[in-house]
PDB file of N, CA and C in Angstrom:
ATOM      1  N   MET A   1     -10.905  20.133   0.159  1.00  0.00           N
ATOM      2  CA  MET A   1     -10.658  19.088  -0.587  1.00  0.00           C
ATOM      3  C   MET A   1      -9.185  18.672  -0.307  1.00  0.00           C
ATOM      4  N   ALA A   2      -9.332  17.468  -0.641  1.00  0.00           N
ATOM      5  CA  ALA A   2      -7.524  17.045  -0.461  1.00  0.00           C
ATOM      6  C   ALA A   2      -7.329  15.797  -1.135  1.00  0.00           C
ATOM      7  N   ALA A   3      -6.375  15.490  -1.664  1.00  0.00           N
ATOM      8  CA  ALA A   3      -5.653  14.491  -2.794  1.00  0.00           C
ATOM      9  C   ALA A   3      -5.716  13.547  -2.206  1.00  0.00           C
ATOM     10  N   THR A   4      -6.398  11.924  -2.589  1.00  0.00           N
ATOM     11  CA  THR A   4      -6.216  11.064  -2.002  1.00  0.00           C
ATOM     12  C   THR A   4      -5.340   9.797  -3.131  1.00  0.00           C
ATOM     13  N   LEU A   5      -4.489   9.205  -2.329  1.00  0.00           N
ATOM     14  CA  LEU A   5      -4.026   8.458  -2.753  1.00  0.00           C
ATOM     15  C   LEU A   5      -4.963   6.698  -2.879  1.00  0.00           C
ATOM     16  N   GLU A   6      -5.317   6.471  -4.115  1.00  0.00           N
ATOM     17  CA  GLU A   6      -5.584   5.033  -4.310  1.00  0.00           C
ATOM     18  C   GLU A   6      -4.912   3.465  -4.002  1.00  0.00           C
ATOM     19  N   HIS A   7      -5.639   3.217  -3.183  1.00  0.00           N
ATOM     20  CA  HIS A   7      -5.194   1.693  -3.156  1.00  0.00           C
ATOM     21  C   HIS A   7      -3.827   1.357  -3.070  1.00  0.00           C
ATOM     22  N   ILE A   8      -3.381   1.610  -1.688  1.00  0.00           N
ATOM     23  CA  ILE A   8      -2.088   1.478  -1.491  1.00  0.00           C
ATOM     24  C   ILE A   8      -1.856   0.419  -1.214  1.00  0.00           C
ATOM     25  N   LEU A   9      -0.461  -0.282  -1.556  1.00  0.00           N
ATOM     26  CA  LEU A   9       0.110  -1.716  -1.609  1.00  0.00           C
ATOM     27  C   LEU A   9       0.271  -1.456  -3.109  1.00  0.00           C
ATOM     28  N   GLY A  10      -0.633  -0.789  -4.023  1.00  0.00           N
ATOM     29  CA  GLY A  10      -0.775  -0.985  -5.565  1.00  0.00           C
ATOM     30  C   GLY A  10      -1.509  -2.767  -5.860  1.00  0.00           C
ATOM     31  N   LEU A  11      -1.825  -2.383  -7.101  1.00  0.00           N
ATOM     32  CA  LEU A  11      -2.324  -3.457  -7.588  1.00  0.00           C
ATOM     33  C   LEU A  11      -1.902  -3.949  -9.236  1.00  0.00           C
ATOM     34  N   GLY A  12      -0.865  -2.964  -9.120  1.00  0.00           N
ATOM     35  CA  GLY A  12       0.191  -3.357 -10.487  1.00  0.00           C
ATOM     36  C   GLY A  12       0.432  -4.785 -10.538  1.00  0.00           C
ATOM     37  N   SER A  13       0.611  -5.562  -9.787  1.00  0.00           N
ATOM     38  CA  SER A  13       1.042  -6.969 -10.173  1.00  0.00           C
ATOM     39  C   SER A  13      -0.133  -7.627 -10.620  1.00  0.00           C
ATOM     40  N   ALA A  14      -1.211  -6.999 -10.482  1.00  0.00           N
ATOM     41  CA  ALA A  14      -3.050  -7.737 -10.746  1.00  0.00           C
ATOM     42  C   ALA A  14      -3.095  -8.045 -12.367  1.00  0.00           C
ATOM     43  N   SER A  15      -3.300  -9.068 -12.577  1.00  0.00           N
ATOM     44  CA  SER A  15      -3.860  -9.447 -14.112  1.00  0.00           C
ATOM     45  C   SER A  15      -5.093  -8.629 -14.036  1.00  0.00           C
ATOM     46  N   ALA A  16      -5.374  -8.236 -15.754  1.00  0.00           N
ATOM     47  CA  ALA A  16      -6.595  -7.739 -16.187  1.00  0.00           C
ATOM     48  C   ALA A  16      -8.171  -8.068 -15.326  1.00  0.00           C
ATOM     49  N   SER A  17      -7.780  -9.616 -15.305  1.00  0.00           N
ATOM     50  CA  SER A  17      -8.813 -10.342 -14.765  1.00  0.00           C
ATOM     51  C   SER A  17      -9.170 -10.323 -13.353  1.00  0.00           C
ATOM     52  N   GLN A  18      -8.053  -9.512 -12.593  1.00  0.00           N
ATOM     53  CA  GLN A  18      -7.996  -9.642 -11.340  1.00  0.00           C
ATOM     54  C   GLN A  18      -8.770  -8.274 -10.729  1.00  0.00           C
ATOM     55  N   ASN A  19     -10.330  -8.133 -10.715  1.00  0.00           N
ATOM     56  CA  ASN A  19     -10.704  -6.926 -10.038  1.00  0.00           C
ATOM     57  C   ASN A  19     -11.116  -6.624  -9.017  1.00  0.00           C
ATOM     58  N   THR A  20     -10.549  -6.364  -7.998  1.00  0.00           N
ATOM     59  CA  THR A  20     -11.323  -6.663  -6.220  1.00  0.00           C
ATOM     60  C   THR A  20     -12.458  -6.020  -5.994  1.00  0.00           C
ATOM     61  N   ASP A  21     -12.786  -4.910  -7.393  1.00  0.00           N
ATOM     62  CA  ASP A  21     -14.779  -4.588  -6.799  1.00  0.00           C
ATOM     63  C   ASP A  21     -15.597  -6.039  -7.489  1.00  0.00           C
ATOM     64  N   ALA A  22     -14.930  -7.279  -8.305  1.00  0.00           N
ATOM     65  CA  ALA A  22     -15.663  -8.017  -8.427  1.00  0.00           C
ATOM     66  C   ALA A  22     -15.604  -9.087  -7.766  1.00  0.00           C
ATOM     67  N   ARG A  23     -14.539  -9.391  -7.177  1.00  0.00           N
ATOM     68  CA  ARG A  23     -14.127 -10.741  -6.293  1.00  0.00           C
ATOM     69  C   ARG A  23     -12.852 -10.290  -5.465  1.00  0.00           C
ATOM     70  N   PRO A  24     -12.684 -11.313  -4.889  1.00  0.00           N
ATOM     71  CA  PRO A  24     -11.578 -11.368  -3.792  1.00  0.00           C
ATOM     72  C   PRO A  24     -10.481 -11.754  -4.955  1.00  0.00           C
ATOM     73  N   VAL A  25      -9.060 -11.047  -4.819  1.00  0.00           N
ATOM     74  CA  VAL A  25      -8.188 -10.837  -5.382  1.00  0.00           C
ATOM     75  C   VAL A  25      -6.865 -11.388  -4.490  1.00  0.00           C
ATOM     76  N   THR A  26      -5.859 -12.462  -4.981  1.00  0.00           N
ATOM     77  CA  THR A  26      -4.882 -12.560  -4.027  1.00  0.00           C
ATOM     78  C   THR A  26      -3.710 -12.192  -5.134  1.00  0.00           C
ATOM     79  N   LEU A  27      -2.630 -11.280  -4.141  1.00  0.00           N
ATOM     80  CA  LEU A  27      -1.437 -10.955  -4.695  1.00  0.00           C
ATOM     81  C   LEU A  27       0.087 -11.277  -4.455  1.00  0.00           C
ATOM     82  N   ARG A  28       0.552 -12.188  -5.116  1.00  0.00           N
ATOM     83  CA  ARG A  28       1.241 -12.927  -4.467  1.00  0.00           C
ATOM     84  C   ARG A  28       2.668 -12.148  -4.590  1.00  0.00           C
ATOM     85  N   THR A  29       2.839 -11.072  -4.223  1.00  0.00           N
ATOM     86  CA  THR A  29       4.009 -10.215  -4.558  1.00  0.00           C
ATOM     87  C   THR A  29       5.076 -10.130  -3.495  1.00  0.00           C
ATOM     88  N   SER A  30       6.172 -10.362  -3.814  1.00  0.00           N
ATOM     89  CA  SER A  30       7.159 -10.400  -2.527  1.00  0.00           C
ATOM     90  C   SER A  30       7.484  -9.371  -1.737  1.00  0.00           C
ATOM     91  N   LEU A  31       7.882  -9.445  -0.630  1.00  0.00           N
ATOM     92  CA  LEU A  31       7.505  -8.254   0.428  1.00  0.00           C
ATOM     93  C   LEU A  31       8.841  -7.138  -0.003  1.00  0.00           C
ATOM     94  N   SER A  32      10.041  -7.342  -0.413  1.00  0.00           N
ATOM     95  CA  SER A  32      10.851  -6.492  -1.248  1.00  0.00           C
ATOM     96  C   SER A  32      10.451  -6.043  -2.176  1.00  0.00           C
ATOM     97  N   THR A  33       9.238  -6.927  -3.256  1.00  0.00           N
ATOM     98  CA  THR A  33       8.702  -5.940  -4.091  1.00  0.00           C
ATOM     99  C   THR A  33       8.105  -4.809  -3.808  1.00  0.00           C
ATOM    100  N   LEU A  34       7.218  -5.530  -3.005  1.00  0.00           N
ATOM    101  CA  LEU A  34       5.991  -4.360  -2.318  1.00  0.00           C
ATOM    102  C   LEU A  34       6.742  -3.130  -1.753  1.00  0.00           C
ATOM    103  N   ARG A  35       7.492  -3.180  -1.240  1.00  0.00           N
ATOM    104  CA  ARG A  35       8.626  -2.400  -0.530  1.00  0.00           C
ATOM    105  C   ARG A  35       9.212  -1.446  -1.504  1.00  0.00           C
ATOM    106  N   THR A  36      10.217  -2.130  -2.246  1.00  0.00           N
ATOM    107  CA  THR A  36      10.790  -1.159  -3.499  1.00  0.00           C
ATOM    108  C   THR A  36       9.885  -0.592  -4.237  1.00  0.00           C
ATOM    109  N   VAL A  37       9.060  -1.452  -4.997  1.00  0.00           N
ATOM    110  CA  VAL A  37       8.551  -1.026  -5.908  1.00  0.00           C
ATOM    111  C   VAL A  37       7.046  -0.467  -5.907  1.00  0.00           C
ATOM    112  N   ASP A  38       6.333  -1.313  -5.457  1.00  0.00           N
ATOM    113  CA  ASP A  38       4.689  -1.036  -5.162  1.00  0.00           C
ATOM    114  C   ASP A  38       4.293   0.495  -4.111  1.00  0.00           C
ATOM    115  N   GLU A  39       5.509   0.002  -3.093  1.00  0.00           N
ATOM    116  CA  GLU A  39       5.228   1.495  -2.339  1.00  0.00           C
ATOM    117  C   GLU A  39       5.651   2.754  -2.550  1.00  0.00           C
ATOM    118  N   ALA A  40       7.116   2.447  -3.504  1.00  0.00           N
ATOM    119  CA  ALA A  40       7.424   3.685  -3.788  1.00  0.00           C
ATOM    120  C   ALA A  40       7.057   5.498  -4.138  1.00  0.00           C
ATOM    121  N   PRO A  41       5.759   4.953  -5.310  1.00  0.00           N
ATOM    122  CA  PRO A  41       5.096   6.475  -5.433  1.00  0.00           C
ATOM    123  C   PRO A  41       4.417   6.376  -4.274  1.00  0.00           C
ATOM    124  N   TYR A  42       3.882   5.646  -3.171  1.00  0.00           N
ATOM    125  CA  TYR A  42       2.825   6.549  -2.328  1.00  0.00           C
ATOM    126  C   TYR A  42       4.030   6.855  -1.470  1.00  0.00           C
ATOM    127  N   ARG A  43       4.844   6.371  -0.809  1.00  0.00           N
ATOM    128  CA  ARG A  43       6.015   7.253  -0.607  1.00  0.00           C
ATOM    129  C   ARG A  43       6.239   8.845  -0.495  1.00  0.00           C
ATOM    130  N   THR A  44       6.866   8.756  -2.303  1.00  0.00           N
ATOM    131  CA  THR A  44       7.087  10.009  -2.787  1.00  0.00           C
ATOM    132  C   THR A  44       5.362  11.377  -2.409  1.00  0.00           C
ATOM    133  N   ALA A  45       4.488  10.619  -2.882  1.00  0.00           N
ATOM    134  CA  ALA A  45       2.950  11.284  -2.620  1.00  0.00           C
ATOM    135  C   ALA A  45       2.695  11.607  -1.327  1.00  0.00           C
ATOM    136  N   ILE A  46       3.342  10.829  -0.321  1.00  0.00           N
ATOM    137  CA  ILE A  46       3.152  11.417   1.286  1.00  0.00           C
ATOM    138  C   ILE A  46       3.697  12.364   1.452  1.00  0.00           C
ATOM    139  N   LEU A  47       5.046  12.021   1.191  1.00  0.00           N
ATOM    140  CA  LEU A  47       6.269  13.104   1.754  1.00  0.00           C
ATOM    141  C   LEU A  47       5.855  14.347   0.913  1.00  0.00           C
ATOM    142  N   ALA A  48       5.369  14.454  -0.358  1.00  0.00           N
ATOM    143  CA  ALA A  48       4.919  15.848  -0.514  1.00  0.00           C
ATOM    144  C   ALA A  48       3.794  16.523  -0.307  1.00  0.00           C
ATOM    145  N   GLY A  49       3.066  15.791   0.721  1.00  0.00           N
ATOM    146  CA  GLY A  49       1.794  16.519   1.351  1.00  0.00           C
ATOM    147  C   GLY A  49       0.512  15.557   1.332  1.00  0.00           C
ATOM    148  N   ALA A  50       0.566  14.361   0.715  1.00  0.00           N
ATOM    149  CA  ALA A  50      -0.472  13.902   0.477  1.00  0.00           C
ATOM    150  C   ALA A  50      -1.274  13.366   2.023  1.00  0.00           C
ATOM    151  N   LYS A  51      -2.304  13.922   1.950  1.00  0.00           N
ATOM    152  CA  LYS A  51      -3.315  13.564   3.475  1.00  0.00           C
ATOM    153  C   LYS A  51      -4.167  12.151   3.669  1.00  0.00           C
ATOM    154  N   LEU A  52      -4.309  11.733   2.696  1.00  0.00           N
ATOM    155  CA  LEU A  52      -5.353  10.935   2.412  1.00  0.00           C
ATOM    156  C   LEU A  52      -5.104   9.681   1.898  1.00  0.00           C
ATOM    157  N   VAL A  53      -5.468   8.318   2.136  1.00  0.00           N
ATOM    158  CA  VAL A  53      -4.753   7.208   1.261  1.00  0.00           C
ATOM    159  C   VAL A  53      -6.192   5.926   1.997  1.00  0.00           C
ATOM    160  N   THR A  54      -6.434   5.470   0.159  1.00  0.00           N
ATOM    161  CA  THR A  54      -7.639   4.505   0.144  1.00  0.00           C
ATOM    162  C   THR A  54      -6.682   3.124   0.621  1.00  0.00           C
ATOM    163  N   LEU A  55      -7.042   2.103   1.027  1.00  0.00           N
ATOM    164  CA  LEU A  55      -6.082   0.735   1.068  1.00  0.00           C
ATOM    165  C   LEU A  55      -6.708  -0.462  -0.208  1.00  0.00           C
ATOM    166  N   SER A  56      -5.906  -0.963  -0.847  1.00  0.00           N
ATOM    167  CA  SER A  56      -6.182  -2.221  -1.501  1.00  0.00           C
ATOM    168  C   SER A  56      -7.274  -2.997  -0.748  1.00  0.00           C
ATOM    169  N   TRP A  57      -8.088  -3.654  -1.375  1.00  0.00           N
ATOM    170  CA  TRP A  57      -8.729  -4.941  -1.080  1.00  0.00           C
ATOM    171  C   TRP A  57      -8.431  -6.025  -1.303  1.00  0.00           C
ATOM    172  N   ALA A  58      -7.063  -6.061  -1.787  1.00  0.00           N
ATOM    173  CA  ALA A  58      -6.619  -7.349  -2.506  1.00  0.00           C
ATOM    174  C   ALA A  58      -5.849  -7.723  -1.001  1.00  0.00           C
ATOM    175  N   VAL A  59      -5.599  -9.054  -1.331  1.00  0.00           N
ATOM    176  CA  VAL A  59      -4.700  -9.970  -0.138  1.00  0.00           C
ATOM    177  C   VAL A  59      -3.468 -10.102  -0.528  1.00  0.00           C
ATOM    178  N   TYR A  60      -2.290  -9.956   0.323  1.00  0.00           N
ATOM    179  CA  TYR A  60      -1.073  -9.673  -0.057  1.00  0.00           C
ATOM    180  C   TYR A  60      -0.139 -11.046   1.057  1.00  0.00           C
ATOM    181  N   PRO A  61      -0.471 -11.638   0.718  1.00  0.00           N
ATOM    182  CA  PRO A  61       0.161 -13.006   1.436  1.00  0.00           C
ATOM    183  C   PRO A  61       1.565 -12.697   2.386  1.00  0.00           C
ATOM    184  N   THR A  62       2.344 -11.934   1.727  1.00  0.00           N
ATOM    185  CA  THR A  62       3.718 -11.636   2.215  1.00  0.00           C
ATOM    186  C   THR A  62       3.388 -10.667   3.804  1.00  0.00           C
ATOM    187  N   LEU A  63       1.971 -10.322   3.478  1.00  0.00           N
ATOM    188  CA  LEU A  63       1.819  -9.031   4.499  1.00  0.00           C
ATOM    189  C   LEU A  63       0.822  -9.723   5.942  1.00  0.00           C
ATOM    190  N   ASP A  64      -0.236 -10.371   5.387  1.00  0.00           N
ATOM    191  CA  ASP A  64      -1.240 -10.809   5.895  1.00  0.00           C
ATOM    192  C   ASP A  64      -2.241 -11.893   5.003  1.00  0.00           C
ATOM    193  N   ALA A  65      -1.710 -13.279   5.246  1.00  0.00           N
ATOM    194  CA  ALA A  65      -2.084 -14.353   4.400  1.00  0.00           C
ATOM    195  C   ALA A  65      -3.936 -14.408   4.814  1.00  0.00           C
ATOM    196  N   THR A  66      -4.309 -13.857   5.260  1.00  0.00           N
ATOM    197  CA  THR A  66      -5.861 -14.233   5.510  1.00  0.00           C
ATOM    198  C   THR A  66      -6.740 -12.611   5.287  1.00  0.00           C
ATOM    199  N   ARG A  67      -6.279 -11.749   5.291  1.00  0.00           N
ATOM    200  CA  ARG A  67      -7.178 -10.341   5.522  1.00  0.00           C
ATOM    201  C   ARG A  67      -6.667  -9.865   4.370  1.00  0.00           C
ATOM    202  N   PRO A  68      -7.305  -8.802   3.534  1.00  0.00           N
ATOM    203  CA  PRO A  68      -7.153  -7.987   2.868  1.00  0.00           C
ATOM    204  C   PRO A  68      -6.711  -6.814   3.319  1.00  0.00           C
ATOM    205  N   ALA A  69      -5.597  -5.934   2.748  1.00  0.00           N
ATOM    206  CA  ALA A  69      -4.758  -5.036   3.130  1.00  0.00           C
ATOM    207  C   ALA A  69      -6.294  -3.937   3.879  1.00  0.00           C
ATOM    208  N   GLY A  70      -7.414  -3.914   3.545  1.00  0.00           N
ATOM    209  CA  GLY A  70      -7.959  -2.575   4.068  1.00  0.00           C
ATOM    210  C   GLY A  70      -8.449  -3.342   5.247  1.00  0.00           C
ATOM    211  N   LEU A  71      -8.180  -4.732   5.544  1.00  0.00           N
ATOM    212  CA  LEU A  71      -8.456  -5.345   7.170  1.00  0.00           C
ATOM    213  C   LEU A  71      -7.360  -5.378   7.775  1.00  0.00           C
ATOM    214  N   SER A  72      -5.903  -5.430   7.323  1.00  0.00           N
ATOM    215  CA  SER A  72      -5.285  -6.094   8.077  1.00  0.00           C
ATOM    216  C   SER A  72      -4.578  -4.927   8.823  1.00  0.00           C
ATOM    217  N   THR A  73      -4.011  -5.229  10.315  1.00  0.00           N
ATOM    218  CA  THR A  73      -3.023  -4.105  10.587  1.00  0.00           C
ATOM    219  C   THR A  73      -1.764  -4.361  10.452  1.00  0.00           C
ATOM    220  N   ARG A  74      -1.685  -5.776   9.591  1.00  0.00           N
ATOM    221  CA  ARG A  74      -0.143  -5.500   9.132  1.00  0.00           C
ATOM    222  C   ARG A  74      -0.109  -4.400   7.702  1.00  0.00           C
ATOM    223  N   SER A  75      -1.167  -4.351   7.200  1.00  0.00           N
ATOM    224  CA  SER A  75      -0.690  -3.616   5.988  1.00  0.00           C
ATOM    225  C   SER A  75      -0.803  -2.179   6.314  1.00  0.00           C
ATOM    226  N   SER A  76      -2.016  -1.862   7.371  1.00  0.00           N
ATOM    227  CA  SER A  76      -2.173  -0.262   7.614  1.00  0.00           C
ATOM    228  C   SER A  76      -2.006   0.037   8.817  1.00  0.00           C
ATOM    229  N   GLY A  77      -1.163  -0.712   9.369  1.00  0.00           N
ATOM    230  CA  GLY A  77      -1.212  -0.880  10.974  1.00  0.00           C
ATOM    231  C   GLY A  77       0.412   0.277  11.005  1.00  0.00           C
ATOM    232  N   ARG A  78       0.773   0.515  12.155  1.00  0.00           N
ATOM    233  CA  ARG A  78       2.305   1.396  12.437  1.00  0.00           C
ATOM    234  C   ARG A  78       3.274   1.009  11.996  1.00  0.00           C
ATOM    235  N   ASN A  79       3.453  -0.430  11.031  1.00  0.00           N
ATOM    236  CA  ASN A  79       4.624  -0.361  10.258  1.00  0.00           C
ATOM    237  C   ASN A  79       4.017  -0.454   8.579  1.00  0.00           C
ATOM    238  N   SER A  80       3.392   0.228   8.485  1.00  0.00           N
ATOM    239  CA  SER A  80       3.134   0.183   7.038  1.00  0.00           C
ATOM    240  C   SER A  80       3.414   1.627   5.939  1.00  0.00           C
ATOM    241  N   VAL A  81       3.308   1.613   4.931  1.00  0.00           N
ATOM    242  CA  VAL A  81       4.211   2.948   4.641  1.00  0.00           C
ATOM    243  C   VAL A  81       3.476   4.161   4.743  1.00  0.00           C
ATOM    244  N   SER A  82       1.782   3.933   5.024  1.00  0.00           N
ATOM    245  CA  SER A  82       0.865   5.086   5.211  1.00  0.00           C
ATOM    246  C   SER A  82       1.314   5.542   6.527  1.00  0.00           C
ATOM    247  N   ALA A  83       1.733   4.346   7.517  1.00  0.00           N
ATOM    248  CA  ALA A  83       1.633   4.895   8.840  1.00  0.00           C
ATOM    249  C   ALA A  83       3.214   5.320   9.453  1.00  0.00           C
ATOM    250  N   THR A  84       4.233   4.799   8.657  1.00  0.00           N
ATOM    251  CA  THR A  84       5.604   5.681   9.014  1.00  0.00           C
ATOM    252  C   THR A  84       6.036   6.580   8.197  1.00  0.00           C
ATOM    253  N   VAL A  85       5.565   7.196   6.987  1.00  0.00           N
ATOM    254  CA  VAL A  85       5.841   8.283   5.971  1.00  0.00           C
ATOM    255  C   VAL A  85       4.733   9.266   6.577  1.00  0.00           C
ATOM    256  N   SER A  86       5.892  10.635   6.910  1.00  0.00           N
ATOM    257  CA  SER A  86       4.993  11.534   7.206  1.00  0.00           C
ATOM    258  C   SER A  86       5.656  12.781   6.544  1.00  0.00           C
ATOM    259  N   PRO A  87       5.071  14.034   6.203  1.00  0.00           N
ATOM    260  CA  PRO A  87       6.054  15.052   5.806  1.00  0.00           C
ATOM    261  C   PRO A  87       7.186  15.654   6.518  1.00  0.00           C
ATOM    262  N   ALA A  88       7.103  14.939   7.481  1.00  0.00           N
ATOM    263  CA  ALA A  88       8.369  15.515   8.587  1.00  0.00           C
ATOM    264  C   ALA A  88       9.622  14.663   8.277  1.00  0.00           C
ATOM    265  N   SER A  89       9.114  13.825   7.345  1.00  0.00           N
ATOM    266  CA  SER A  89      10.262  12.250   7.156  1.00  0.00           C
ATOM    267  C   SER A  89      11.471  12.922   6.551  1.00  0.00           C
ATOM    268  N   PRO A  90      12.501  12.792   6.554  1.00  0.00           N
ATOM    269  CA  PRO A  90      13.969  13.302   6.026  1.00  0.00           C
ATOM    270  C   PRO A  90      13.566  12.387   4.715  1.00  0.00           C
ATOM    271  N   SER A  91      13.776  11.669   4.255  1.00  0.00           N
ATOM    272  CA  SER A  91      13.431  11.090   2.970  1.00  0.00           C
ATOM    273  C   SER A  91      12.514   9.910   2.982  1.00  0.00           C
ATOM    274  N   PRO A  92      12.203   9.157   1.700  1.00  0.00           N
ATOM    275  CA  PRO A  92      11.495   8.233   1.778  1.00  0.00           C
ATOM    276  C   PRO A  92      12.260   6.810   1.751  1.00  0.00           C
ATOM    277  N   ALA A  93      14.105   6.866   1.501  1.00  0.00           N
ATOM    278  CA  ALA A  93      14.267   5.846   1.953  1.00  0.00           C
ATOM    279  C   ALA A  93      14.467   5.184   3.451  1.00  0.00           C
ATOM    280  N   SER A  94      14.343   6.343   4.316  1.00  0.00           N
ATOM    281  CA  SER A  94      14.957   6.043   5.234  1.00  0.00           C
ATOM    282  C   SER A  94      13.133   5.704   6.569  1.00  0.00           C
ATOM    283  N   CYS A  95      12.124   5.662   6.075  1.00  0.00           N
ATOM    284  CA  CYS A  95      10.999   5.485   6.495  1.00  0.00           C
ATOM    285  C   CYS A  95      10.284   4.283   6.718  1.00  0.00           C
ATOM    286  N   CYS A  96      11.003   3.201   5.987  1.00  0.00           N
ATOM    287  CA  CYS A  96      10.240   1.923   6.444  1.00  0.00           C
ATOM    288  C   CYS A  96      11.764   0.699   6.596  1.00  0.00           C
TER     289      CYS A  96
END
């Protein structure tokens, strides 16, 4: 059994009525906020050894205006926090 980080990119900016299980949700969070606030806990957990990450099903227009994070190569590809941080990385600040 392995710990799983849920909904990477975060749903912290979503309102209580924005439920990705009920309908498509678009979160208009700036790229700067996504990188410095929303991704921060994931960086820490990945550096601590977390092996599994589930992707958010929200659309983040600053990354990909047409696809939810779970289908977007821009949120889950080689430049994403989940792909660029590994336990071998020297520090969270150096990853992205």
